[in-house]
């Protein structure tokens, strides 16, 4: 049994990151599906017209990027592109209406941007398809051990 709460929580970190990745990817893909196909409660079935900038391209990135992140397939690359698209959305679409997300209705763009940026650095966590193909490792596999833990194992 782990000696501290931190050790106990660290043990389950890849699973928490995996669950986070799945939920964020699913929500992002739902935004894309809504914009492209008028699904999931979009008023009057409003969809982005094919090929229009930036709406249609953003919706494709949302659907494809969200699905890839959710599945854990090319997670870091898909998360990087998705994060960049949300940064673009925030600064070009929302920020001109006000500086803060509460003023400009950019909360979703800001949250998705930072959530995907986190996944770029942490990796996919547990239950990712990349790990089935041997291309990915758990989020904590590459992380250096803290000094206290490293010296305790000697």
N, C-alpha and C. Protein backbone atom coordinates (compact mmCIF):
# COMPACT_ATOMS: atom_id res chain seq x y z
N UNK A 1 0.84 -1.18 0.00
CA UNK A 1 0.00 0.00 0.00
C UNK A 1 0.89 1.25 0.00
N UNK A 2 0.57 2.23 -0.84
CA UNK A 2 1.39 3.43 -0.91
C UNK A 2 1.45 4.17 0.43
N UNK A 3 2.60 4.76 0.67
CA UNK A 3 2.83 5.43 1.94
C UNK A 3 2.13 6.79 2.02
N UNK A 4 1.98 7.44 0.90
CA UNK A 4 1.39 8.78 0.93
C UNK A 4 0.27 8.88 -0.10
N UNK A 5 -0.55 9.88 0.08
CA UNK A 5 -1.63 10.13 -0.87
C UNK A 5 -1.06 10.44 -2.25
N UNK A 6 0.03 11.19 -2.30
CA UNK A 6 0.65 11.53 -3.58
C UNK A 6 1.08 10.28 -4.33
N UNK A 7 1.67 9.33 -3.65
CA UNK A 7 2.09 8.09 -4.29
C UNK A 7 0.88 7.30 -4.79
N UNK A 8 -0.17 7.29 -4.00
CA UNK A 8 -1.38 6.57 -4.41
C UNK A 8 -2.00 7.19 -5.65
N UNK A 9 -2.06 8.51 -5.68
CA UNK A 9 -2.64 9.20 -6.84
C UNK A 9 -1.75 9.08 -8.06
N UNK A 10 -0.45 9.15 -7.88
CA UNK A 10 0.49 9.03 -9.00
C UNK A 10 0.37 7.69 -9.68
N UNK A 11 0.08 6.67 -8.91
CA UNK A 11 -0.08 5.32 -9.45
C UNK A 11 -1.22 5.25 -10.47
N UNK A 12 -2.25 6.05 -10.28
CA UNK A 12 -3.41 6.04 -11.18
C UNK A 12 -3.39 7.17 -12.20
N UNK A 13 -2.32 7.92 -12.26
CA UNK A 13 -2.22 9.06 -13.17
C UNK A 13 -2.48 8.69 -14.63
N UNK A 14 -1.89 7.62 -15.17
CA UNK A 14 -2.16 7.30 -16.58
C UNK A 14 -3.65 7.03 -16.86
N UNK A 15 -4.35 6.47 -15.89
CA UNK A 15 -5.78 6.20 -16.08
C UNK A 15 -6.59 7.49 -16.05
N UNK A 16 -6.22 8.41 -15.17
CA UNK A 16 -6.91 9.70 -15.11
C UNK A 16 -6.67 10.49 -16.39
N UNK A 17 -5.44 10.47 -16.90
CA UNK A 17 -5.13 11.16 -18.15
C UNK A 17 -5.89 10.51 -19.30
N UNK A 18 -5.96 9.19 -19.31
CA UNK A 18 -6.71 8.49 -20.35
C UNK A 18 -8.19 8.86 -20.34
N UNK A 19 -8.78 8.90 -19.15
CA UNK A 19 -10.20 9.29 -19.04
C UNK A 19 -10.39 10.74 -19.48
N UNK A 20 -9.48 11.63 -19.09
CA UNK A 20 -9.53 13.04 -19.49
C UNK A 20 -9.46 13.14 -21.02
N UNK A 21 -8.54 12.42 -21.63
CA UNK A 21 -8.36 12.42 -23.08
C UNK A 21 -9.64 11.96 -23.78
N UNK A 22 -10.24 10.91 -23.30
CA UNK A 22 -11.46 10.37 -23.92
C UNK A 22 -12.61 11.37 -23.85
N UNK A 23 -12.81 11.96 -22.69
CA UNK A 23 -13.91 12.92 -22.51
C UNK A 23 -13.69 14.18 -23.35
N UNK A 24 -12.49 14.74 -23.31
CA UNK A 24 -12.20 15.96 -24.07
C UNK A 24 -12.33 15.68 -25.57
N UNK A 25 -11.80 14.55 -26.03
CA UNK A 25 -11.90 14.20 -27.43
C UNK A 25 -13.34 14.01 -27.88
N UNK A 26 -14.14 13.34 -27.06
CA UNK A 26 -15.55 13.12 -27.38
C UNK A 26 -16.29 14.45 -27.49
N UNK A 27 -16.11 15.32 -26.51
CA UNK A 27 -16.79 16.62 -26.54
C UNK A 27 -16.38 17.45 -27.76
N UNK A 28 -15.10 17.41 -28.10
CA UNK A 28 -14.61 18.16 -29.25
C UNK A 28 -15.18 17.59 -30.55
N UNK A 29 -15.21 16.27 -30.66
CA UNK A 29 -15.78 15.63 -31.85
C UNK A 29 -17.27 15.96 -31.98
N UNK A 30 -17.96 16.04 -30.86
CA UNK A 30 -19.39 16.41 -30.89
C UNK A 30 -19.58 17.81 -31.44
N UNK A 31 -18.70 18.75 -31.11
CA UNK A 31 -18.78 20.10 -31.67
C UNK A 31 -18.61 20.05 -33.19
N UNK A 32 -17.65 19.25 -33.65
CA UNK A 32 -17.45 19.12 -35.08
C UNK A 32 -18.63 18.49 -35.79
N UNK A 33 -19.19 17.42 -35.20
CA UNK A 33 -20.36 16.77 -35.79
C UNK A 33 -21.54 17.72 -35.85
N UNK A 34 -21.70 18.52 -34.81
CA UNK A 34 -22.80 19.49 -34.78
C UNK A 34 -22.64 20.52 -35.89
N UNK A 35 -21.43 21.02 -36.08
CA UNK A 35 -21.20 22.04 -37.10
C UNK A 35 -21.28 21.49 -38.51
N UNK A 36 -20.83 20.26 -38.70
CA UNK A 36 -20.82 19.69 -40.06
C UNK A 36 -22.16 19.10 -40.48
N UNK A 37 -22.84 18.44 -39.54
CA UNK A 37 -24.02 17.66 -39.90
C UNK A 37 -25.31 18.14 -39.24
N UNK A 38 -25.23 19.18 -38.41
CA UNK A 38 -26.43 19.69 -37.75
C UNK A 38 -26.98 18.75 -36.70
N UNK A 39 -26.13 17.92 -36.14
CA UNK A 39 -26.54 16.95 -35.13
C UNK A 39 -26.45 17.53 -33.73
N UNK A 40 -26.99 16.80 -32.79
CA UNK A 40 -26.79 17.07 -31.36
C UNK A 40 -27.36 18.40 -30.90
N UNK A 41 -28.53 18.73 -31.38
CA UNK A 41 -29.24 19.89 -30.86
C UNK A 41 -28.88 21.23 -31.46
N UNK A 42 -28.29 21.22 -32.64
CA UNK A 42 -27.98 22.49 -33.30
C UNK A 42 -29.29 23.12 -33.75
N UNK A 43 -29.52 24.40 -33.41
CA UNK A 43 -30.79 25.03 -33.78
C UNK A 43 -30.99 25.08 -35.30
N UNK A 44 -32.16 24.68 -35.74
CA UNK A 44 -32.56 24.72 -37.15
C UNK A 44 -31.61 23.95 -38.06
N UNK A 45 -30.86 23.01 -37.51
CA UNK A 45 -29.95 22.22 -38.33
C UNK A 45 -28.87 23.04 -39.01
N UNK A 46 -28.50 24.17 -38.41
CA UNK A 46 -27.50 25.05 -39.00
C UNK A 46 -26.16 24.33 -39.10
N UNK A 47 -25.58 24.33 -40.29
CA UNK A 47 -24.29 23.69 -40.50
C UNK A 47 -23.35 24.65 -41.20
N UNK A 48 -22.07 24.35 -41.11
CA UNK A 48 -21.07 25.15 -41.81
C UNK A 48 -21.10 24.76 -43.28
N UNK A 49 -21.12 25.75 -44.14
CA UNK A 49 -21.12 25.49 -45.58
C UNK A 49 -19.77 24.93 -45.98
N UNK A 50 -19.79 23.87 -46.77
CA UNK A 50 -18.56 23.16 -47.16
C UNK A 50 -17.53 24.11 -47.77
N UNK A 51 -16.32 24.02 -47.27
CA UNK A 51 -15.21 24.79 -47.80
C UNK A 51 -15.09 26.22 -47.32
N UNK A 52 -15.99 26.68 -46.46
CA UNK A 52 -15.91 28.08 -46.00
C UNK A 52 -14.86 28.22 -44.91
N UNK A 53 -14.18 29.35 -44.95
CA UNK A 53 -13.14 29.65 -43.95
C UNK A 53 -13.72 30.58 -42.92
N UNK A 54 -13.46 30.38 -41.66
CA UNK A 54 -12.78 29.26 -41.02
C UNK A 54 -13.74 28.19 -40.52
N UNK A 55 -15.05 28.44 -40.59
CA UNK A 55 -16.03 27.56 -39.94
C UNK A 55 -15.98 26.10 -40.35
N UNK A 56 -15.97 25.84 -41.66
CA UNK A 56 -15.99 24.45 -42.11
C UNK A 56 -14.69 23.74 -41.76
N UNK A 57 -13.56 24.42 -41.95
CA UNK A 57 -12.26 23.82 -41.63
C UNK A 57 -12.14 23.56 -40.13
N UNK A 58 -12.62 24.49 -39.33
CA UNK A 58 -12.60 24.29 -37.88
C UNK A 58 -13.45 23.07 -37.49
N UNK A 59 -14.59 22.91 -38.13
CA UNK A 59 -15.47 21.78 -37.83
C UNK A 59 -14.82 20.46 -38.20
N UNK A 60 -14.10 20.43 -39.32
CA UNK A 60 -13.39 19.20 -39.72
C UNK A 60 -12.29 18.89 -38.71
N UNK A 61 -11.54 19.91 -38.30
CA UNK A 61 -10.50 19.69 -37.29
C UNK A 61 -11.13 19.19 -35.99
N UNK A 62 -12.26 19.76 -35.63
CA UNK A 62 -12.94 19.32 -34.40
C UNK A 62 -13.37 17.87 -34.49
N UNK A 63 -13.99 17.48 -35.58
CA UNK A 63 -14.47 16.10 -35.71
C UNK A 63 -13.32 15.11 -35.79
N UNK A 64 -12.39 15.35 -36.68
CA UNK A 64 -11.28 14.41 -36.87
C UNK A 64 -10.32 14.44 -35.69
N UNK A 65 -9.94 15.64 -35.28
CA UNK A 65 -9.02 15.76 -34.14
C UNK A 65 -9.62 15.20 -32.86
N UNK A 66 -10.89 15.49 -32.62
CA UNK A 66 -11.55 14.96 -31.44
C UNK A 66 -11.62 13.45 -31.45
N UNK A 67 -11.94 12.87 -32.62
CA UNK A 67 -12.01 11.41 -32.72
C UNK A 67 -10.64 10.78 -32.50
N UNK A 68 -9.59 11.36 -33.09
CA UNK A 68 -8.25 10.82 -32.91
C UNK A 68 -7.80 10.90 -31.46
N UNK A 69 -8.05 12.03 -30.83
CA UNK A 69 -7.68 12.19 -29.42
C UNK A 69 -8.47 11.21 -28.56
N UNK A 70 -9.76 11.11 -28.80
CA UNK A 70 -10.60 10.20 -28.02
C UNK A 70 -10.09 8.76 -28.12
N UNK A 71 -9.70 8.35 -29.31
CA UNK A 71 -9.22 6.99 -29.51
C UNK A 71 -7.77 6.80 -29.06
N UNK A 72 -7.05 7.90 -28.88
CA UNK A 72 -5.65 7.80 -28.50
C UNK A 72 -4.78 7.40 -29.68
N UNK A 73 -5.12 7.87 -30.85
CA UNK A 73 -4.40 7.54 -32.07
C UNK A 73 -3.72 8.81 -32.59
N UNK A 74 -2.40 8.87 -32.48
CA UNK A 74 -1.69 10.09 -32.85
C UNK A 74 -2.08 11.23 -31.93
N UNK A 75 -2.22 10.94 -30.66
CA UNK A 75 -2.78 11.89 -29.69
C UNK A 75 -2.03 13.21 -29.65
N UNK A 76 -0.72 13.17 -29.53
CA UNK A 76 0.04 14.42 -29.39
C UNK A 76 -0.10 15.30 -30.62
N UNK A 77 -0.02 14.73 -31.80
CA UNK A 77 -0.16 15.52 -33.04
C UNK A 77 -1.57 16.07 -33.19
N UNK A 78 -2.56 15.21 -32.98
CA UNK A 78 -3.96 15.66 -33.10
C UNK A 78 -4.28 16.72 -32.06
N UNK A 79 -3.76 16.56 -30.85
CA UNK A 79 -3.99 17.54 -29.79
C UNK A 79 -3.30 18.87 -30.12
N UNK A 80 -2.13 18.81 -30.73
CA UNK A 80 -1.40 20.03 -31.10
C UNK A 80 -2.19 20.82 -32.13
N UNK A 81 -2.67 20.15 -33.17
CA UNK A 81 -3.46 20.83 -34.21
C UNK A 81 -4.76 21.36 -33.62
N UNK A 82 -5.42 20.56 -32.78
CA UNK A 82 -6.68 20.97 -32.17
C UNK A 82 -6.48 22.17 -31.24
N UNK A 83 -5.40 22.16 -30.47
CA UNK A 83 -5.10 23.28 -29.59
C UNK A 83 -4.87 24.56 -30.40
N UNK A 84 -4.12 24.43 -31.48
CA UNK A 84 -3.87 25.60 -32.33
C UNK A 84 -5.14 26.14 -32.96
N UNK A 85 -6.04 25.25 -33.36
CA UNK A 85 -7.29 25.73 -33.96
C UNK A 85 -8.14 26.48 -32.93
N UNK A 86 -8.09 26.03 -31.69
CA UNK A 86 -8.86 26.72 -30.65
C UNK A 86 -8.20 28.04 -30.24
N UNK A 87 -6.88 28.10 -30.29
CA UNK A 87 -6.20 29.38 -30.04
C UNK A 87 -6.58 30.38 -31.13
N UNK A 88 -6.59 29.92 -32.38
CA UNK A 88 -7.01 30.77 -33.50
C UNK A 88 -8.45 31.24 -33.28
N UNK A 89 -9.33 30.31 -32.92
CA UNK A 89 -10.73 30.66 -32.70
C UNK A 89 -10.86 31.71 -31.60
N UNK A 90 -10.10 31.53 -30.54
CA UNK A 90 -10.21 32.48 -29.43
C UNK A 90 -9.75 33.87 -29.86
N UNK A 91 -8.56 33.96 -30.46
CA UNK A 91 -7.99 35.27 -30.75
C UNK A 91 -8.60 35.95 -31.98
N UNK A 92 -9.07 35.20 -32.94
CA UNK A 92 -9.64 35.81 -34.14
C UNK A 92 -11.16 35.98 -34.08
N UNK A 93 -11.85 35.07 -33.39
CA UNK A 93 -13.31 35.12 -33.37
C UNK A 93 -13.82 35.76 -32.08
N UNK A 94 -13.30 35.36 -30.94
CA UNK A 94 -13.85 35.80 -29.65
C UNK A 94 -13.17 37.02 -29.07
N UNK A 95 -11.87 37.07 -29.09
CA UNK A 95 -11.13 38.14 -28.41
C UNK A 95 -11.48 39.54 -28.90
N UNK A 96 -11.79 39.77 -30.17
CA UNK A 96 -12.18 41.12 -30.58
C UNK A 96 -13.44 41.65 -29.87
N UNK A 97 -14.26 40.75 -29.31
CA UNK A 97 -15.47 41.17 -28.60
C UNK A 97 -15.22 41.48 -27.13
N UNK A 98 -14.02 41.28 -26.64
CA UNK A 98 -13.68 41.55 -25.25
C UNK A 98 -12.44 40.76 -24.87
N UNK A 99 -11.73 41.24 -23.86
CA UNK A 99 -10.47 40.62 -23.48
C UNK A 99 -10.65 39.27 -22.79
N UNK A 100 -11.63 39.17 -21.91
CA UNK A 100 -11.77 37.97 -21.09
C UNK A 100 -12.84 37.02 -21.65
N UNK A 101 -12.64 35.71 -21.47
CA UNK A 101 -13.59 34.74 -22.02
C UNK A 101 -15.03 34.96 -21.57
N UNK A 102 -15.25 35.44 -20.37
CA UNK A 102 -16.62 35.68 -19.92
C UNK A 102 -17.26 36.84 -20.68
N UNK A 103 -16.45 37.75 -21.19
CA UNK A 103 -16.96 38.88 -21.95
C UNK A 103 -17.26 38.51 -23.40
N UNK A 104 -16.48 37.60 -23.96
CA UNK A 104 -16.54 37.36 -25.39
C UNK A 104 -17.08 35.98 -25.78
N UNK A 105 -17.63 35.24 -24.83
CA UNK A 105 -18.17 33.89 -25.05
C UNK A 105 -17.13 32.92 -25.59
N UNK A 106 -15.88 33.10 -25.18
CA UNK A 106 -14.80 32.25 -25.65
C UNK A 106 -14.36 31.20 -24.66
N UNK A 107 -15.20 30.89 -23.66
CA UNK A 107 -14.79 29.92 -22.63
C UNK A 107 -14.47 28.57 -23.23
N UNK A 108 -15.31 28.07 -24.11
CA UNK A 108 -15.09 26.74 -24.69
C UNK A 108 -13.80 26.72 -25.49
N UNK A 109 -13.56 27.75 -26.30
CA UNK A 109 -12.32 27.81 -27.08
C UNK A 109 -11.10 27.82 -26.18
N UNK A 110 -11.14 28.62 -25.14
CA UNK A 110 -9.99 28.71 -24.22
C UNK A 110 -9.77 27.38 -23.49
N UNK A 111 -10.83 26.78 -22.99
CA UNK A 111 -10.70 25.51 -22.27
C UNK A 111 -10.20 24.39 -23.18
N UNK A 112 -10.75 24.27 -24.38
CA UNK A 112 -10.28 23.25 -25.31
C UNK A 112 -8.82 23.48 -25.68
N UNK A 113 -8.45 24.74 -25.91
CA UNK A 113 -7.07 25.06 -26.26
C UNK A 113 -6.11 24.55 -25.19
N UNK A 114 -6.38 24.88 -23.94
CA UNK A 114 -5.49 24.48 -22.85
C UNK A 114 -5.57 22.99 -22.55
N UNK A 115 -6.74 22.39 -22.69
CA UNK A 115 -6.87 20.95 -22.46
C UNK A 115 -6.05 20.17 -23.48
N UNK A 116 -6.13 20.58 -24.74
CA UNK A 116 -5.35 19.90 -25.76
C UNK A 116 -3.86 20.15 -25.61
N UNK A 117 -3.49 21.36 -25.21
CA UNK A 117 -2.08 21.63 -24.98
C UNK A 117 -1.53 20.75 -23.86
N UNK A 118 -2.32 20.52 -22.83
CA UNK A 118 -1.91 19.61 -21.76
C UNK A 118 -1.67 18.21 -22.31
N UNK A 119 -2.54 17.73 -23.19
CA UNK A 119 -2.38 16.40 -23.76
C UNK A 119 -1.16 16.31 -24.67
N UNK A 120 -0.77 17.42 -25.29
CA UNK A 120 0.46 17.43 -26.09
C UNK A 120 1.64 17.05 -25.20
N UNK A 121 1.66 17.57 -23.98
CA UNK A 121 2.79 17.34 -23.08
C UNK A 121 2.67 16.06 -22.25
N UNK A 122 1.46 15.65 -21.89
CA UNK A 122 1.32 14.46 -21.06
C UNK A 122 1.26 13.19 -21.88
N UNK A 123 0.81 13.27 -23.11
CA UNK A 123 0.59 12.08 -23.91
C UNK A 123 -0.80 11.53 -23.64
N UNK A 124 -1.10 10.37 -24.21
CA UNK A 124 -2.46 9.86 -24.19
C UNK A 124 -2.91 9.21 -22.90
N UNK A 125 -1.98 8.83 -22.03
CA UNK A 125 -2.39 8.12 -20.83
C UNK A 125 -2.75 6.68 -21.17
N UNK A 126 -3.57 6.07 -20.34
CA UNK A 126 -3.94 4.66 -20.51
C UNK A 126 -5.03 4.50 -21.55
N UNK A 127 -5.19 3.28 -22.04
CA UNK A 127 -6.26 2.89 -22.96
C UNK A 127 -6.23 3.65 -24.28
N UNK A 128 -5.04 3.88 -24.81
CA UNK A 128 -4.89 4.55 -26.09
C UNK A 128 -4.55 3.52 -27.17
N UNK A 129 -5.09 3.73 -28.36
CA UNK A 129 -4.79 2.81 -29.46
C UNK A 129 -3.31 2.83 -29.82
N UNK A 130 -2.65 3.95 -29.64
CA UNK A 130 -1.21 4.02 -29.90
C UNK A 130 -0.44 2.94 -29.15
N UNK A 131 -0.85 2.64 -27.93
CA UNK A 131 -0.14 1.64 -27.13
C UNK A 131 -0.33 0.23 -27.71
N UNK A 132 -1.44 0.00 -28.41
CA UNK A 132 -1.65 -1.31 -29.06
C UNK A 132 -0.68 -1.52 -30.23
N UNK A 133 -0.32 -0.42 -30.88
CA UNK A 133 0.59 -0.49 -32.02
C UNK A 133 2.04 -0.26 -31.62
N UNK A 134 2.29 -0.12 -30.31
CA UNK A 134 3.65 0.07 -29.83
C UNK A 134 4.22 1.45 -30.07
N UNK A 135 3.36 2.41 -30.42
CA UNK A 135 3.85 3.76 -30.70
C UNK A 135 3.75 4.68 -29.51
N UNK A 136 3.02 4.31 -28.50
CA UNK A 136 2.85 5.20 -27.36
C UNK A 136 3.20 4.50 -26.07
N UNK A 137 3.53 5.29 -25.08
CA UNK A 137 3.80 4.75 -23.76
C UNK A 137 2.96 5.52 -22.76
N UNK A 138 2.73 4.94 -21.58
CA UNK A 138 1.96 5.66 -20.57
C UNK A 138 2.58 7.02 -20.28
N UNK A 139 1.74 7.94 -19.82
CA UNK A 139 2.16 9.32 -19.61
C UNK A 139 3.33 9.45 -18.67
N UNK A 140 3.46 8.59 -17.68
CA UNK A 140 4.51 8.73 -16.69
C UNK A 140 5.77 7.94 -17.04
N UNK A 141 5.78 7.21 -18.16
CA UNK A 141 6.93 6.38 -18.48
C UNK A 141 8.18 7.20 -18.76
N UNK A 142 8.03 8.36 -19.40
CA UNK A 142 9.18 9.18 -19.74
C UNK A 142 9.52 10.20 -18.66
N UNK A 143 8.66 10.35 -17.69
CA UNK A 143 8.86 11.39 -16.68
C UNK A 143 10.00 11.01 -15.74
N UNK A 144 10.89 11.96 -15.46
CA UNK A 144 11.95 11.66 -14.50
C UNK A 144 11.37 11.50 -13.10
N UNK A 145 11.98 10.63 -12.32
CA UNK A 145 11.50 10.43 -10.95
C UNK A 145 11.95 11.59 -10.07
N UNK A 146 11.13 11.98 -9.11
CA UNK A 146 11.55 13.03 -8.18
C UNK A 146 12.78 12.56 -7.40
N UNK A 147 13.60 13.52 -6.95
CA UNK A 147 14.85 13.20 -6.26
C UNK A 147 14.63 12.36 -5.01
N UNK A 148 13.61 12.67 -4.23
CA UNK A 148 13.36 11.92 -3.01
C UNK A 148 13.07 10.46 -3.32
N UNK A 149 12.29 10.23 -4.36
CA UNK A 149 11.95 8.87 -4.72
C UNK A 149 13.17 8.16 -5.31
N UNK A 150 13.96 8.87 -6.12
CA UNK A 150 15.13 8.27 -6.73
C UNK A 150 16.17 7.87 -5.68
N UNK A 151 16.36 8.72 -4.67
CA UNK A 151 17.35 8.39 -3.65
C UNK A 151 16.85 7.30 -2.71
N UNK A 152 15.53 7.18 -2.56
CA UNK A 152 14.98 6.16 -1.67
C UNK A 152 15.11 4.76 -2.27
N UNK A 153 15.26 4.67 -3.59
CA UNK A 153 15.35 3.35 -4.23
C UNK A 153 16.77 2.84 -4.31
N UNK A 154 17.74 3.62 -3.91
CA UNK A 154 19.15 3.19 -3.96
C UNK A 154 19.51 2.34 -2.80
